[in-house]
Amino acid sequence: MNIGEVASHSSVSAKTIRYYESIGLIAPARRTASGYRTYDEKDVQTLRFIHHARNLGFSVKDVAMLLDLWRDQKRASAHVKALAMAHIAAVDRKIEELQKMRDTLLDLTHHCHGDDRPDCPILDGLAGEP
């Protein structure tokens, strides 16, 4: 398969596939005599794995570790679970931060009249004014 076909089958863009190759997340593609990249079904599976992991918010570094674990038939599932649990903790922290942002924005908008007057508690709040 060429890079366009693999991109279509894996839901990973050709540009991203080339990027993953450049950073070593995936092995360099085999090349035809004319220099075109070629891929097989195993490459598609790997890219799907990466795509799903990235959609769950795993960092490229964590995806590399997950790929190593996925390929290691002698792995301990405890390692995989520990990585997932650490990611869950990071997601929970982000949710807390987003909730605080939402609460602040709600507070600012509740104090704003939203009319023709020039005074605006939202802008004052963003400027750090009481």
N, C-alpha and C. Protein backbone atom coordinates (compact mmCIF):
# COMPACT_ATOMS: atom_id res chain seq x y z
N MET A 1 0.84 -1.18 0.00
CA MET A 1 0.00 0.00 0.00
C MET A 1 0.88 1.24 0.00
N ASN A 2 0.40 2.28 -0.63
CA ASN A 2 1.13 3.54 -0.60
C ASN A 2 0.66 4.36 0.61
N ILE A 3 1.29 5.48 0.83
CA ILE A 3 1.01 6.26 2.03
C ILE A 3 -0.43 6.79 2.06
N GLY A 4 -0.99 7.12 0.89
CA GLY A 4 -2.37 7.59 0.85
C GLY A 4 -3.35 6.51 1.25
N GLU A 5 -3.12 5.29 0.81
CA GLU A 5 -4.00 4.17 1.17
C GLU A 5 -3.90 3.87 2.67
N VAL A 6 -2.68 3.88 3.18
CA VAL A 6 -2.49 3.62 4.60
C VAL A 6 -3.14 4.72 5.42
N ALA A 7 -3.02 5.94 4.99
CA ALA A 7 -3.65 7.06 5.68
C ALA A 7 -5.16 6.86 5.74
N SER A 8 -5.74 6.44 4.65
CA SER A 8 -7.18 6.20 4.57
C SER A 8 -7.61 5.05 5.49
N HIS A 9 -6.85 3.97 5.49
CA HIS A 9 -7.20 2.78 6.29
C HIS A 9 -6.94 2.96 7.78
N SER A 10 -6.03 3.86 8.14
CA SER A 10 -5.66 4.02 9.55
C SER A 10 -6.23 5.26 10.20
N SER A 11 -6.83 6.16 9.42
CA SER A 11 -7.33 7.45 9.90
C SER A 11 -6.22 8.36 10.41
N VAL A 12 -5.00 8.15 9.92
CA VAL A 12 -3.85 8.98 10.25
C VAL A 12 -3.39 9.64 8.95
N SER A 13 -3.26 10.95 8.93
CA SER A 13 -2.90 11.65 7.70
C SER A 13 -1.49 11.26 7.24
N ALA A 14 -1.26 11.41 5.96
CA ALA A 14 0.06 11.11 5.39
C ALA A 14 1.13 11.97 6.05
N LYS A 15 0.81 13.22 6.30
CA LYS A 15 1.77 14.12 6.95
C LYS A 15 2.13 13.60 8.34
N THR A 16 1.15 13.14 9.07
CA THR A 16 1.38 12.62 10.42
C THR A 16 2.17 11.31 10.37
N ILE A 17 1.88 10.48 9.38
CA ILE A 17 2.64 9.24 9.21
C ILE A 17 4.11 9.55 9.00
N ARG A 18 4.39 10.51 8.13
CA ARG A 18 5.79 10.90 7.89
C ARG A 18 6.42 11.47 9.17
N TYR A 19 5.64 12.23 9.94
CA TYR A 19 6.15 12.77 11.21
C TYR A 19 6.48 11.63 12.17
N TYR A 20 5.56 10.67 12.33
CA TYR A 20 5.81 9.54 13.23
C TYR A 20 7.07 8.79 12.82
N GLU A 21 7.27 8.68 11.52
CA GLU A 21 8.48 8.02 11.03
C GLU A 21 9.72 8.86 11.39
N SER A 22 9.63 10.15 11.23
CA SER A 22 10.79 11.03 11.47
C SER A 22 11.21 11.04 12.94
N ILE A 23 10.26 10.83 13.86
CA ILE A 23 10.60 10.83 15.29
C ILE A 23 10.85 9.42 15.82
N GLY A 24 10.73 8.44 14.96
CA GLY A 24 11.01 7.06 15.36
C GLY A 24 9.87 6.34 16.04
N LEU A 25 8.66 6.92 16.01
CA LEU A 25 7.52 6.24 16.62
C LEU A 25 7.14 5.00 15.82
N ILE A 26 7.29 5.10 14.50
CA ILE A 26 7.11 3.93 13.64
C ILE A 26 8.42 3.71 12.87
N ALA A 27 8.60 2.50 12.45
CA ALA A 27 9.82 2.15 11.69
C ALA A 27 9.79 2.85 10.34
N PRO A 28 10.96 3.15 9.80
CA PRO A 28 10.99 3.74 8.45
C PRO A 28 10.28 2.82 7.45
N ALA A 29 9.54 3.42 6.56
CA ALA A 29 8.80 2.65 5.57
C ALA A 29 9.77 2.01 4.57
N ARG A 30 9.33 0.89 4.07
CA ARG A 30 10.08 0.29 2.97
C ARG A 30 9.89 1.19 1.75
N ARG A 31 10.83 1.15 0.86
CA ARG A 31 10.77 2.03 -0.31
C ARG A 31 10.80 1.21 -1.59
N THR A 32 10.08 1.70 -2.60
CA THR A 32 10.15 1.09 -3.92
C THR A 32 11.42 1.56 -4.61
N ALA A 33 11.72 0.99 -5.75
CA ALA A 33 12.91 1.40 -6.51
C ALA A 33 12.86 2.88 -6.85
N SER A 34 11.65 3.41 -7.01
CA SER A 34 11.51 4.83 -7.34
C SER A 34 11.43 5.72 -6.09
N GLY A 35 11.56 5.12 -4.90
CA GLY A 35 11.62 5.91 -3.67
C GLY A 35 10.30 6.11 -2.94
N TYR A 36 9.22 5.53 -3.45
CA TYR A 36 7.93 5.69 -2.78
C TYR A 36 7.84 4.78 -1.56
N ARG A 37 7.20 5.29 -0.50
CA ARG A 37 6.99 4.49 0.69
C ARG A 37 5.97 3.39 0.41
N THR A 38 6.21 2.21 0.99
CA THR A 38 5.22 1.13 0.90
C THR A 38 4.96 0.57 2.30
N TYR A 39 3.74 0.15 2.51
CA TYR A 39 3.30 -0.32 3.82
C TYR A 39 2.51 -1.61 3.66
N ASP A 40 2.37 -2.33 4.79
CA ASP A 40 1.55 -3.54 4.79
C ASP A 40 0.49 -3.43 5.88
N GLU A 41 -0.27 -4.48 6.05
CA GLU A 41 -1.37 -4.47 7.02
C GLU A 41 -0.87 -4.27 8.45
N LYS A 42 0.28 -4.79 8.77
CA LYS A 42 0.84 -4.61 10.12
C LYS A 42 1.10 -3.13 10.40
N ASP A 43 1.55 -2.40 9.39
CA ASP A 43 1.76 -0.96 9.53
C ASP A 43 0.43 -0.25 9.80
N VAL A 44 -0.61 -0.68 9.10
CA VAL A 44 -1.94 -0.10 9.30
C VAL A 44 -2.40 -0.34 10.74
N GLN A 45 -2.20 -1.57 11.24
CA GLN A 45 -2.59 -1.89 12.61
C GLN A 45 -1.83 -1.02 13.61
N THR A 46 -0.55 -0.84 13.38
CA THR A 46 0.26 0.00 14.27
C THR A 46 -0.25 1.44 14.26
N LEU A 47 -0.54 1.96 13.10
CA LEU A 47 -1.04 3.33 13.00
C LEU A 47 -2.42 3.47 13.64
N ARG A 48 -3.25 2.47 13.52
CA ARG A 48 -4.56 2.51 14.19
C ARG A 48 -4.37 2.54 15.71
N PHE A 49 -3.44 1.73 16.19
CA PHE A 49 -3.13 1.70 17.61
C PHE A 49 -2.70 3.09 18.07
N ILE A 50 -1.78 3.68 17.34
CA ILE A 50 -1.30 5.02 17.68
C ILE A 50 -2.44 6.02 17.64
N HIS A 51 -3.26 5.95 16.61
CA HIS A 51 -4.39 6.86 16.46
C HIS A 51 -5.33 6.77 17.66
N HIS A 52 -5.67 5.55 18.07
CA HIS A 52 -6.57 5.38 19.22
C HIS A 52 -5.94 5.91 20.50
N ALA A 53 -4.66 5.60 20.70
CA ALA A 53 -3.97 6.07 21.90
C ALA A 53 -3.91 7.60 21.93
N ARG A 54 -3.59 8.21 20.80
CA ARG A 54 -3.53 9.68 20.74
C ARG A 54 -4.91 10.29 20.97
N ASN A 55 -5.96 9.64 20.44
CA ASN A 55 -7.32 10.15 20.67
C ASN A 55 -7.72 10.09 22.13
N LEU A 56 -7.10 9.18 22.89
CA LEU A 56 -7.34 9.11 24.33
C LEU A 56 -6.46 10.09 25.10
N GLY A 57 -5.63 10.84 24.37
CA GLY A 57 -4.83 11.88 24.99
C GLY A 57 -3.46 11.46 25.45
N PHE A 58 -3.03 10.24 25.13
CA PHE A 58 -1.68 9.82 25.51
C PHE A 58 -0.67 10.65 24.73
N SER A 59 0.41 11.01 25.41
CA SER A 59 1.50 11.75 24.76
C SER A 59 2.24 10.83 23.80
N VAL A 60 3.01 11.42 22.91
CA VAL A 60 3.80 10.62 21.97
C VAL A 60 4.75 9.71 22.75
N LYS A 61 5.33 10.23 23.82
CA LYS A 61 6.23 9.43 24.65
C LYS A 61 5.50 8.23 25.24
N ASP A 62 4.30 8.46 25.77
CA ASP A 62 3.51 7.36 26.33
C ASP A 62 3.08 6.38 25.25
N VAL A 63 2.75 6.89 24.08
CA VAL A 63 2.37 6.00 22.97
C VAL A 63 3.54 5.09 22.62
N ALA A 64 4.75 5.63 22.63
CA ALA A 64 5.93 4.80 22.34
C ALA A 64 6.06 3.68 23.37
N MET A 65 5.82 4.02 24.65
CA MET A 65 5.89 2.98 25.68
C MET A 65 4.79 1.95 25.50
N LEU A 66 3.58 2.42 25.16
CA LEU A 66 2.47 1.50 24.93
C LEU A 66 2.74 0.58 23.73
N LEU A 67 3.33 1.15 22.69
CA LEU A 67 3.69 0.33 21.52
C LEU A 67 4.68 -0.76 21.91
N ASP A 68 5.68 -0.40 22.71
CA ASP A 68 6.65 -1.40 23.16
C ASP A 68 5.95 -2.51 23.95
N LEU A 69 5.04 -2.12 24.82
CA LEU A 69 4.31 -3.11 25.60
C LEU A 69 3.40 -3.97 24.72
N TRP A 70 2.77 -3.36 23.74
CA TRP A 70 1.86 -4.06 22.83
C TRP A 70 2.62 -5.12 22.04
N ARG A 71 3.83 -4.79 21.66
CA ARG A 71 4.65 -5.71 20.86
C ARG A 71 5.30 -6.79 21.70
N ASP A 72 5.43 -6.57 22.99
CA ASP A 72 6.11 -7.51 23.89
C ASP A 72 5.11 -8.54 24.41
N GLN A 73 5.17 -9.74 23.88
CA GLN A 73 4.23 -10.79 24.28
C GLN A 73 4.48 -11.28 25.71
N LYS A 74 5.63 -10.93 26.30
CA LYS A 74 5.95 -11.34 27.66
C LYS A 74 5.72 -10.21 28.67
N ARG A 75 5.04 -9.18 28.23
CA ARG A 75 4.81 -8.02 29.10
C ARG A 75 3.94 -8.42 30.29
N ALA A 76 4.04 -7.62 31.32
CA ALA A 76 3.14 -7.75 32.46
C ALA A 76 2.05 -6.70 32.28
N SER A 77 0.81 -7.13 32.36
CA SER A 77 -0.29 -6.17 32.16
C SER A 77 -0.26 -5.09 33.24
N ALA A 78 0.41 -5.36 34.34
CA ALA A 78 0.52 -4.36 35.41
C ALA A 78 1.22 -3.10 34.89
N HIS A 79 2.18 -3.25 33.99
CA HIS A 79 2.87 -2.09 33.43
C HIS A 79 1.92 -1.25 32.58
N VAL A 80 1.09 -1.94 31.81
CA VAL A 80 0.13 -1.24 30.96
C VAL A 80 -0.89 -0.50 31.84
N LYS A 81 -1.38 -1.20 32.86
CA LYS A 81 -2.37 -0.59 33.75
C LYS A 81 -1.78 0.61 34.48
N ALA A 82 -0.54 0.51 34.92
CA ALA A 82 0.09 1.63 35.62
C ALA A 82 0.18 2.86 34.72
N LEU A 83 0.53 2.64 33.47
CA LEU A 83 0.61 3.75 32.51
C LEU A 83 -0.77 4.36 32.29
N ALA A 84 -1.79 3.50 32.16
CA ALA A 84 -3.15 4.00 31.97
C ALA A 84 -3.65 4.75 33.21
N MET A 85 -3.35 4.23 34.39
CA MET A 85 -3.78 4.89 35.63
C MET A 85 -3.10 6.26 35.79
N ALA A 86 -1.84 6.35 35.43
CA ALA A 86 -1.14 7.64 35.49
C ALA A 86 -1.80 8.63 34.53
N HIS A 87 -2.21 8.13 33.37
CA HIS A 87 -2.87 9.01 32.39
C HIS A 87 -4.23 9.45 32.92
N ILE A 88 -4.95 8.55 33.57
CA ILE A 88 -6.24 8.91 34.16
C ILE A 88 -6.06 10.01 35.18
N ALA A 89 -5.02 9.92 36.00
CA ALA A 89 -4.76 10.96 37.00
C ALA A 89 -4.49 12.31 36.33
N ALA A 90 -3.75 12.28 35.23
CA ALA A 90 -3.48 13.53 34.49
C ALA A 90 -4.77 14.09 33.90
N VAL A 91 -5.63 13.21 33.38
CA VAL A 91 -6.92 13.65 32.83
C VAL A 91 -7.78 14.27 33.94
N ASP A 92 -7.78 13.64 35.10
CA ASP A 92 -8.54 14.17 36.23
C ASP A 92 -8.05 15.57 36.62
N ARG A 93 -6.72 15.77 36.63
CA ARG A 93 -6.18 17.09 36.94
C ARG A 93 -6.63 18.12 35.90
N LYS A 94 -6.63 17.71 34.65
CA LYS A 94 -7.06 18.62 33.58
C LYS A 94 -8.54 18.95 33.72
N ILE A 95 -9.34 17.97 34.07
CA ILE A 95 -10.77 18.22 34.28
C ILE A 95 -10.96 19.24 35.39
N GLU A 96 -10.20 19.11 36.49
CA GLU A 96 -10.29 20.07 37.59
C GLU A 96 -9.94 21.48 37.12
N GLU A 97 -8.85 21.57 36.34
CA GLU A 97 -8.44 22.88 35.82
C GLU A 97 -9.52 23.47 34.92
N LEU A 98 -10.10 22.66 34.07
CA LEU A 98 -11.16 23.13 33.17
C LEU A 98 -12.40 23.54 33.96
N GLN A 99 -12.72 22.81 35.02
CA GLN A 99 -13.86 23.17 35.85
C GLN A 99 -13.64 24.52 36.53
N LYS A 100 -12.40 24.75 37.00
CA LYS A 100 -12.08 26.05 37.61
C LYS A 100 -12.19 27.18 36.58
N MET A 101 -11.74 26.92 35.37
CA MET A 101 -11.86 27.92 34.31
C MET A 101 -13.33 28.23 34.04
N ARG A 102 -14.14 27.18 33.97
CA ARG A 102 -15.56 27.35 33.71
C ARG A 102 -16.21 28.15 34.82
N ASP A 103 -15.89 27.79 36.07
CA ASP A 103 -16.47 28.51 37.21
C ASP A 103 -16.11 29.98 37.18
N THR A 104 -14.86 30.28 36.86
CA THR A 104 -14.42 31.68 36.78
C THR A 104 -15.17 32.42 35.69
N LEU A 105 -15.29 31.79 34.53
CA LEU A 105 -16.01 32.43 33.42
C LEU A 105 -17.49 32.64 33.76
N LEU A 106 -18.09 31.65 34.41
CA LEU A 106 -19.49 31.81 34.82
C LEU A 106 -19.64 32.97 35.79
N ASP A 107 -18.73 33.07 36.75
CA ASP A 107 -18.78 34.16 37.71
C ASP A 107 -18.66 35.51 37.01
N LEU A 108 -17.71 35.60 36.08
CA LEU A 108 -17.54 36.86 35.35
C LEU A 108 -18.78 37.20 34.52
N THR A 109 -19.34 36.23 33.85
CA THR A 109 -20.52 36.52 33.01
C THR A 109 -21.75 36.84 33.84
N HIS A 110 -21.85 36.28 35.04
CA HIS A 110 -22.99 36.60 35.91
C HIS A 110 -22.94 38.05 36.39
N HIS A 111 -21.74 38.62 36.47
CA HIS A 111 -21.60 40.01 36.92
C HIS A 111 -21.69 41.01 35.77
N CYS A 112 -21.78 40.52 34.57
CA CYS A 112 -21.83 41.42 33.41
C CYS A 112 -23.29 41.63 33.01
N HIS A 113 -23.65 42.90 32.80
CA HIS A 113 -25.03 43.21 32.41
C HIS A 113 -25.30 42.87 30.94
N GLY A 114 -24.27 42.90 30.13
CA GLY A 114 -24.45 42.56 28.71
C GLY A 114 -25.34 43.56 28.00
N ASP A 115 -25.19 44.82 28.34
CA ASP A 115 -26.03 45.84 27.71
C ASP A 115 -25.16 46.85 26.96
N ASP A 116 -25.68 48.06 26.77
CA ASP A 116 -24.96 49.08 26.01
C ASP A 116 -23.95 49.88 26.84
N ARG A 117 -23.89 49.62 28.13
CA ARG A 117 -22.95 50.34 28.99
C ARG A 117 -21.52 49.87 28.69
N PRO A 118 -20.55 50.78 28.81
CA PRO A 118 -19.17 50.40 28.51
C PRO A 118 -18.47 49.59 29.60
N ASP A 119 -18.96 49.71 30.86
CA ASP A 119 -18.28 48.96 31.92
C ASP A 119 -18.56 47.46 31.74
N CYS A 120 -17.49 46.66 31.93
CA CYS A 120 -17.63 45.23 31.68
C CYS A 120 -16.81 44.44 32.71
N PRO A 121 -17.48 43.78 33.63
CA PRO A 121 -16.78 42.98 34.63
C PRO A 121 -15.93 41.85 34.02
N ILE A 122 -16.30 41.39 32.88
CA ILE A 122 -15.51 40.32 32.23
C ILE A 122 -14.15 40.86 31.86
N LEU A 123 -14.12 42.03 31.19
CA LEU A 123 -12.85 42.64 30.81
C LEU A 123 -12.04 43.06 32.03
N ASP A 124 -12.75 43.57 33.05
CA ASP A 124 -12.08 43.95 34.29
C ASP A 124 -11.44 42.72 34.94
N GLY A 125 -12.15 41.62 34.95
CA GLY A 125 -11.62 40.39 35.53
C GLY A 125 -10.41 39.87 34.78
N LEU A 126 -10.46 39.97 33.46
CA LEU A 126 -9.32 39.53 32.66
C LEU A 126 -8.11 40.44 32.87
N ALA A 127 -8.38 41.69 33.17
CA ALA A 127 -7.31 42.65 33.42
C ALA A 127 -6.78 42.54 34.85
N GLY A 128 -7.42 41.69 35.66
CA GLY A 128 -6.97 41.51 37.03
C GLY A 128 -7.50 42.53 37.99
N GLU A 129 -8.53 43.26 37.56
CA GLU A 129 -9.11 44.28 38.42
C GLU A 129 -10.23 43.64 39.25
N PRO A 130 -10.43 44.13 40.49
CA PRO A 130 -11.48 43.55 41.36
C PRO A 130 -12.88 43.82 40.84
